[in-house]
């Protein structure tokens, strides 16, 4: 699946695979304010906007 085929909101697993980082790295980036995270549902699951991840990949 290409990047463009991914949904607009990505799971932590999808993002860790794309960026080649550990899930805890993403959680730390969130705490440090380096990446914005959306929380959805009653479990407050993390979702990342595809456009934000695309910018990170292009840097």
PDB file of N, CA and C in Angstrom:
ATOM      1  N   UNK A   1       0.853  -1.179   0.000  1.00  0.00           N
ATOM      2  CA  UNK A   1       0.000   0.000   0.000  1.00  0.00           C
ATOM      3  C   UNK A   1       0.898   1.241   0.000  1.00  0.00           C
ATOM      4  N   UNK A   2       0.604   2.162  -0.895  1.00  0.00           N
ATOM      5  CA  UNK A   2       1.393   3.389  -0.973  1.00  0.00           C
ATOM      6  C   UNK A   2       0.912   4.383   0.087  1.00  0.00           C
ATOM      7  N   UNK A   3       1.727   5.389   0.324  1.00  0.00           N
ATOM      8  CA  UNK A   3       1.391   6.400   1.325  1.00  0.00           C
ATOM      9  C   UNK A   3       0.072   7.082   0.990  1.00  0.00           C
ATOM     10  N   UNK A   4      -0.155   7.369  -0.289  1.00  0.00           N
ATOM     11  CA  UNK A   4      -1.377   8.069  -0.696  1.00  0.00           C
ATOM     12  C   UNK A   4      -2.637   7.243  -0.462  1.00  0.00           C
ATOM     13  N   UNK A   5      -2.504   5.928  -0.387  1.00  0.00           N
ATOM     14  CA  UNK A   5      -3.652   5.054  -0.170  1.00  0.00           C
ATOM     15  C   UNK A   5      -4.026   4.922   1.306  1.00  0.00           C
ATOM     16  N   UNK A   6      -3.187   5.406   2.189  1.00  0.00           N
ATOM     17  CA  UNK A   6      -3.466   5.321   3.618  1.00  0.00           C
ATOM     18  C   UNK A   6      -4.608   6.262   3.990  1.00  0.00           C
ATOM     19  N   UNK A   7      -5.327   5.946   5.076  1.00  0.00           N
ATOM     20  CA  UNK A   7      -6.406   6.842   5.522  1.00  0.00           C
ATOM     21  C   UNK A   7      -5.830   8.166   6.028  1.00  0.00           C
ATOM     22  N   UNK A   8      -6.682   9.158   6.167  1.00  0.00           N
ATOM     23  CA  UNK A   8      -6.251  10.490   6.608  1.00  0.00           C
ATOM     24  C   UNK A   8      -5.777  10.484   8.062  1.00  0.00           C
ATOM     25  N   UNK A   9      -6.322   9.601   8.889  1.00  0.00           N
ATOM     26  CA  UNK A   9      -5.893   9.469  10.273  1.00  0.00           C
ATOM     27  C   UNK A   9      -5.190   8.128  10.429  1.00  0.00           C
ATOM     28  N   UNK A  10      -3.949   8.178  10.893  1.00  0.00           N
ATOM     29  CA  UNK A  10      -3.129   6.979  10.989  1.00  0.00           C
ATOM     30  C   UNK A  10      -3.007   6.508  12.434  1.00  0.00           C
ATOM     31  N   UNK A  11      -2.925   5.203  12.612  1.00  0.00           N
ATOM     32  CA  UNK A  11      -2.737   4.633  13.940  1.00  0.00           C
ATOM     33  C   UNK A  11      -1.276   4.745  14.349  1.00  0.00           C
ATOM     34  N   UNK A  12      -1.019   4.519  15.616  1.00  0.00           N
ATOM     35  CA  UNK A  12       0.356   4.564  16.105  1.00  0.00           C
ATOM     36  C   UNK A  12       1.191   3.486  15.422  1.00  0.00           C
ATOM     37  N   UNK A  13       0.605   2.338  15.152  1.00  0.00           N
ATOM     38  CA  UNK A  13       1.328   1.257  14.485  1.00  0.00           C
ATOM     39  C   UNK A  13       1.726   1.652  13.066  1.00  0.00           C
ATOM     40  N   UNK A  14       0.794   2.280  12.341  1.00  0.00           N
ATOM     41  CA  UNK A  14       1.096   2.711  10.975  1.00  0.00           C
ATOM     42  C   UNK A  14       2.222   3.747  10.962  1.00  0.00           C
ATOM     43  N   UNK A  15       2.172   4.677  11.902  1.00  0.00           N
ATOM     44  CA  UNK A  15       3.178   5.743  11.938  1.00  0.00           C
ATOM     45  C   UNK A  15       4.544   5.189  12.346  1.00  0.00           C
ATOM     46  N   UNK A  16       4.575   4.297  13.313  1.00  0.00           N
ATOM     47  CA  UNK A  16       5.864   3.723  13.706  1.00  0.00           C
ATOM     48  C   UNK A  16       6.493   2.967  12.545  1.00  0.00           C
ATOM     49  N   UNK A  17       5.670   2.315  11.764  1.00  0.00           N
ATOM     50  CA  UNK A  17       6.183   1.593  10.591  1.00  0.00           C
ATOM     51  C   UNK A  17       6.734   2.574   9.546  1.00  0.00           C
ATOM     52  N   UNK A  18       6.019   3.660   9.304  1.00  0.00           N
ATOM     53  CA  UNK A  18       6.449   4.646   8.306  1.00  0.00           C
ATOM     54  C   UNK A  18       7.723   5.381   8.720  1.00  0.00           C
ATOM     55  N   UNK A  19       7.825   5.728   9.998  1.00  0.00           N
ATOM     56  CA  UNK A  19       8.954   6.523  10.478  1.00  0.00           C
ATOM     57  C   UNK A  19      10.100   5.672  11.029  1.00  0.00           C
ATOM     58  N   UNK A  20       9.862   4.374  11.163  1.00  0.00           N
ATOM     59  CA  UNK A  20      10.874   3.457  11.705  1.00  0.00           C
ATOM     60  C   UNK A  20      11.315   3.873  13.103  1.00  0.00           C
ATOM     61  N   UNK A  21      10.318   4.137  13.961  1.00  0.00           N
ATOM     62  CA  UNK A  21      10.587   4.478  15.353  1.00  0.00           C
ATOM     63  C   UNK A  21       9.742   3.591  16.262  1.00  0.00           C
ATOM     64  N   UNK A  22      10.115   3.518  17.520  1.00  0.00           N
ATOM     65  CA  UNK A  22       9.382   2.744  18.519  1.00  0.00           C
ATOM     66  C   UNK A  22       8.133   3.531  18.934  1.00  0.00           C
ATOM     67  N   UNK A  23       7.044   2.837  19.294  1.00  0.00           N
ATOM     68  CA  UNK A  23       5.835   3.552  19.741  1.00  0.00           C
ATOM     69  C   UNK A  23       6.104   4.516  20.893  1.00  0.00           C
ATOM     70  N   UNK A  24       7.003   4.150  21.791  1.00  0.00           N
ATOM     71  CA  UNK A  24       7.315   5.060  22.905  1.00  0.00           C
ATOM     72  C   UNK A  24       7.964   6.352  22.419  1.00  0.00           C
ATOM     73  N   UNK A  25       8.679   6.296  21.315  1.00  0.00           N
ATOM     74  CA  UNK A  25       9.262   7.505  20.737  1.00  0.00           C
ATOM     75  C   UNK A  25       8.155   8.471  20.334  1.00  0.00           C
ATOM     76  N   UNK A  26       7.114   7.954  19.688  1.00  0.00           N
ATOM     77  CA  UNK A  26       5.978   8.811  19.309  1.00  0.00           C
ATOM     78  C   UNK A  26       5.291   9.385  20.540  1.00  0.00           C
ATOM     79  N   UNK A  27       5.131   8.571  21.562  1.00  0.00           N
ATOM     80  CA  UNK A  27       4.503   9.048  22.798  1.00  0.00           C
ATOM     81  C   UNK A  27       5.342  10.157  23.439  1.00  0.00           C
ATOM     82  N   UNK A  28       6.663   9.992  23.416  1.00  0.00           N
ATOM     83  CA  UNK A  28       7.549  11.024  23.967  1.00  0.00           C
ATOM     84  C   UNK A  28       7.480  12.299  23.147  1.00  0.00           C
ATOM     85  N   UNK A  29       7.462  12.167  21.826  1.00  0.00           N
ATOM     86  CA  UNK A  29       7.336  13.340  20.963  1.00  0.00           C
ATOM     87  C   UNK A  29       6.045  14.087  21.271  1.00  0.00           C
ATOM     88  N   UNK A  30       4.983  13.335  21.537  1.00  0.00           N
ATOM     89  CA  UNK A  30       3.700  13.956  21.887  1.00  0.00           C
ATOM     90  C   UNK A  30       3.841  14.737  23.193  1.00  0.00           C
ATOM     91  N   UNK A  31       4.433  14.138  24.218  1.00  0.00           N
ATOM     92  CA  UNK A  31       4.619  14.807  25.511  1.00  0.00           C
ATOM     93  C   UNK A  31       5.468  16.064  25.377  1.00  0.00           C
ATOM     94  N   UNK A  32       6.466  16.017  24.487  1.00  0.00           N
ATOM     95  CA  UNK A  32       7.364  17.155  24.287  1.00  0.00           C
ATOM     96  C   UNK A  32       6.786  18.211  23.349  1.00  0.00           C
ATOM     97  N   UNK A  33       5.609  17.934  22.779  1.00  0.00           N
ATOM     98  CA  UNK A  33       4.967  18.887  21.889  1.00  0.00           C
ATOM     99  C   UNK A  33       5.550  18.910  20.489  1.00  0.00           C
ATOM    100  N   UNK A  34       6.285  17.871  20.118  1.00  0.00           N
ATOM    101  CA  UNK A  34       6.902  17.821  18.796  1.00  0.00           C
ATOM    102  C   UNK A  34       5.967  17.295  17.716  1.00  0.00           C
ATOM    103  N   UNK A  35       4.899  16.626  18.130  1.00  0.00           N
ATOM    104  CA  UNK A  35       3.940  16.090  17.174  1.00  0.00           C
ATOM    105  C   UNK A  35       2.541  16.204  17.770  1.00  0.00           C
ATOM    106  N   UNK A  36       1.590  16.602  16.933  1.00  0.00           N
ATOM    107  CA  UNK A  36       0.204  16.719  17.382  1.00  0.00           C
ATOM    108  C   UNK A  36      -0.499  15.383  17.221  1.00  0.00           C
ATOM    109  N   UNK A  37      -1.318  15.059  18.211  1.00  0.00           N
ATOM    110  CA  UNK A  37      -2.038  13.797  18.226  1.00  0.00           C
ATOM    111  C   UNK A  37      -3.512  14.082  18.461  1.00  0.00           C
ATOM    112  N   UNK A  38      -4.345  13.375  17.734  1.00  0.00           N
ATOM    113  CA  UNK A  38      -5.783  13.438  17.973  1.00  0.00           C
ATOM    114  C   UNK A  38      -6.159  12.235  18.824  1.00  0.00           C
ATOM    115  N   UNK A  39      -7.065  12.417  19.751  1.00  0.00           N
ATOM    116  CA  UNK A  39      -7.549  11.315  20.575  1.00  0.00           C
ATOM    117  C   UNK A  39      -8.984  11.033  20.176  1.00  0.00           C
ATOM    118  N   UNK A  40      -9.279   9.752  19.897  1.00  0.00           N
ATOM    119  CA  UNK A  40     -10.633   9.407  19.462  1.00  0.00           C
ATOM    120  C   UNK A  40     -11.195   8.284  20.321  1.00  0.00           C
ATOM    121  N   UNK A  41     -12.522   8.248  20.394  1.00  0.00           N
ATOM    122  CA  UNK A  41     -13.226   7.176  21.074  1.00  0.00           C
ATOM    123  C   UNK A  41     -13.100   7.220  22.582  1.00  0.00           C
ATOM    124  N   UNK A  42     -13.836   6.328  23.234  1.00  0.00           N
ATOM    125  CA  UNK A  42     -13.829   6.289  24.704  1.00  0.00           C
ATOM    126  C   UNK A  42     -12.476   5.861  25.279  1.00  0.00           C
ATOM    127  N   UNK A  43     -11.685   5.110  24.502  1.00  0.00           N
ATOM    128  CA  UNK A  43     -10.365   4.690  24.973  1.00  0.00           C
ATOM    129  C   UNK A  43      -9.310   5.759  24.725  1.00  0.00           C
ATOM    130  N   UNK A  44      -9.707   6.832  24.027  1.00  0.00           N
ATOM    131  CA  UNK A  44      -8.799   7.935  23.701  1.00  0.00           C
ATOM    132  C   UNK A  44      -7.586   7.449  22.910  1.00  0.00           C
ATOM    133  N   UNK A  45      -7.844   6.602  21.925  1.00  0.00           N
ATOM    134  CA  UNK A  45      -6.786   6.080  21.053  1.00  0.00           C
ATOM    135  C   UNK A  45      -6.132   7.222  20.292  1.00  0.00           C
ATOM    136  N   UNK A  46      -4.817   7.088  20.073  1.00  0.00           N
ATOM    137  CA  UNK A  46      -4.066   8.102  19.345  1.00  0.00           C
ATOM    138  C   UNK A  46      -4.268   7.928  17.847  1.00  0.00           C
ATOM    139  N   UNK A  47      -4.422   9.059  17.154  1.00  0.00           N
ATOM    140  CA  UNK A  47      -4.444   9.070  15.694  1.00  0.00           C
ATOM    141  C   UNK A  47      -3.602  10.256  15.236  1.00  0.00           C
ATOM    142  N   UNK A  48      -2.893  10.032  14.159  1.00  0.00           N
ATOM    143  CA  UNK A  48      -1.976  11.034  13.619  1.00  0.00           C
ATOM    144  C   UNK A  48      -2.456  11.434  12.234  1.00  0.00           C
ATOM    145  N   UNK A  49      -2.470  12.730  11.958  1.00  0.00           N
ATOM    146  CA  UNK A  49      -2.909  13.207  10.655  1.00  0.00           C
ATOM    147  C   UNK A  49      -1.847  12.883   9.607  1.00  0.00           C
ATOM    148  N   UNK A  50      -2.305  12.352   8.491  1.00  0.00           N
ATOM    149  CA  UNK A  50      -1.396  11.935   7.428  1.00  0.00           C
ATOM    150  C   UNK A  50      -0.545  13.096   6.927  1.00  0.00           C
ATOM    151  N   UNK A  51      -1.115  14.282   6.836  1.00  0.00           N
ATOM    152  CA  UNK A  51      -0.358  15.433   6.327  1.00  0.00           C
ATOM    153  C   UNK A  51       0.804  15.784   7.252  1.00  0.00           C
ATOM    154  N   UNK A  52       0.646  15.602   8.563  1.00  0.00           N
ATOM    155  CA  UNK A  52       1.721  15.876   9.521  1.00  0.00           C
ATOM    156  C   UNK A  52       2.853  14.867   9.339  1.00  0.00           C
ATOM    157  N   UNK A  53       2.491  13.611   9.155  1.00  0.00           N
ATOM    158  CA  UNK A  53       3.492  12.561   8.972  1.00  0.00           C
ATOM    159  C   UNK A  53       4.205  12.745   7.638  1.00  0.00           C
ATOM    160  N   UNK A  54       3.475  13.169   6.621  1.00  0.00           N
ATOM    161  CA  UNK A  54       4.094  13.423   5.317  1.00  0.00           C
ATOM    162  C   UNK A  54       5.174  14.507   5.461  1.00  0.00           C
ATOM    163  N   UNK A  55       4.881  15.579   6.210  1.00  0.00           N
ATOM    164  CA  UNK A  55       5.862  16.647   6.421  1.00  0.00           C
ATOM    165  C   UNK A  55       7.100  16.114   7.130  1.00  0.00           C
ATOM    166  N   UNK A  56       6.896  15.246   8.111  1.00  0.00           N
ATOM    167  CA  UNK A  56       8.031  14.675   8.844  1.00  0.00           C
ATOM    168  C   UNK A  56       8.890  13.821   7.921  1.00  0.00           C
ATOM    169  N   UNK A  57       8.268  13.086   7.013  1.00  0.00           N
ATOM    170  CA  UNK A  57       9.004  12.242   6.086  1.00  0.00           C
ATOM    171  C   UNK A  57       9.798  13.063   5.073  1.00  0.00           C
ATOM    172  N   UNK A  58       9.292  14.259   4.751  1.00  0.00           N
ATOM    173  CA  UNK A  58       9.951  15.106   3.759  1.00  0.00           C
ATOM    174  C   UNK A  58      11.082  15.946   4.347  1.00  0.00           C
ATOM    175  N   UNK A  59      11.221  15.968   5.654  1.00  0.00           N
ATOM    176  CA  UNK A  59      12.273  16.775   6.289  1.00  0.00           C
ATOM    177  C   UNK A  59      13.591  16.050   6.284  1.00  0.00           C
TER     178      UNK A  59
END
